[in-house]
Amino acid sequence: MAPPRVLIRAPALADEAEWIARMRASRRLHHPWIRMPLTPEAYRDYVARNADDRREQRIVCRLEDGALVGFINVSEIIRGSLSSAVLGYGGFAGFAGRGYMSEGMALVLREAFTTLRLHRLEANIQPGNLPSIALAERAGFVREGFSERYLKVGGRWRDHERWAIRAEQWRATPRRGRSP
């Protein structure tokens, strides 16, 4: 197995300048799929929301230099008999296509299904967002359905495909970045 190239960690206030610069550089990459914080105030709010027990936001960082390469957010965590959450993610321009997000996703899934002890994660992805769909498929997510006008993004209600992975599916599939 190749050595890890990324780590995941919670976003910090110290990341503000790099986050904003990378988000601004990634506007074309993310449009029209997602809208993320682009101002210092919005970024500080993003970091503060991570204190909510229903969220586990992670930044994917390249090990060689600490560069922020993307983010993966586990949100709307529901405990009890449902034990599930919603997953949202995005890579930053300049790092796409290098496998960093696949490695980061493997680490987040390991955390979600072991440390957080979740049973199910769901990612809702707009049908035309082929790179995000490909990442979900590589990680072992299965397409479960289609939700018309599911989520408002950029002021418009947009259709989404519903992709999910359950803990038993994750355990049954060998993954890069997963500890034995």
Foldseek 3Di string as FASTA:
>chain_A
DDDDFKDKDQDDLVCQVLVLVQCVQCVVVCPPWADADNDSVRVVVVSVVCVDPQKPKIFIAGPVPRHGFKIKMWGRQDDDPQQETEIDMDTTPPNPPVCSVLLVVLVVLLCSCPVVVGFKYKYWGAPVSVVVVVSLVLQQWDFDAKDALPDQTPNGRGITTITMDGSVSNVVDDGPNDDD
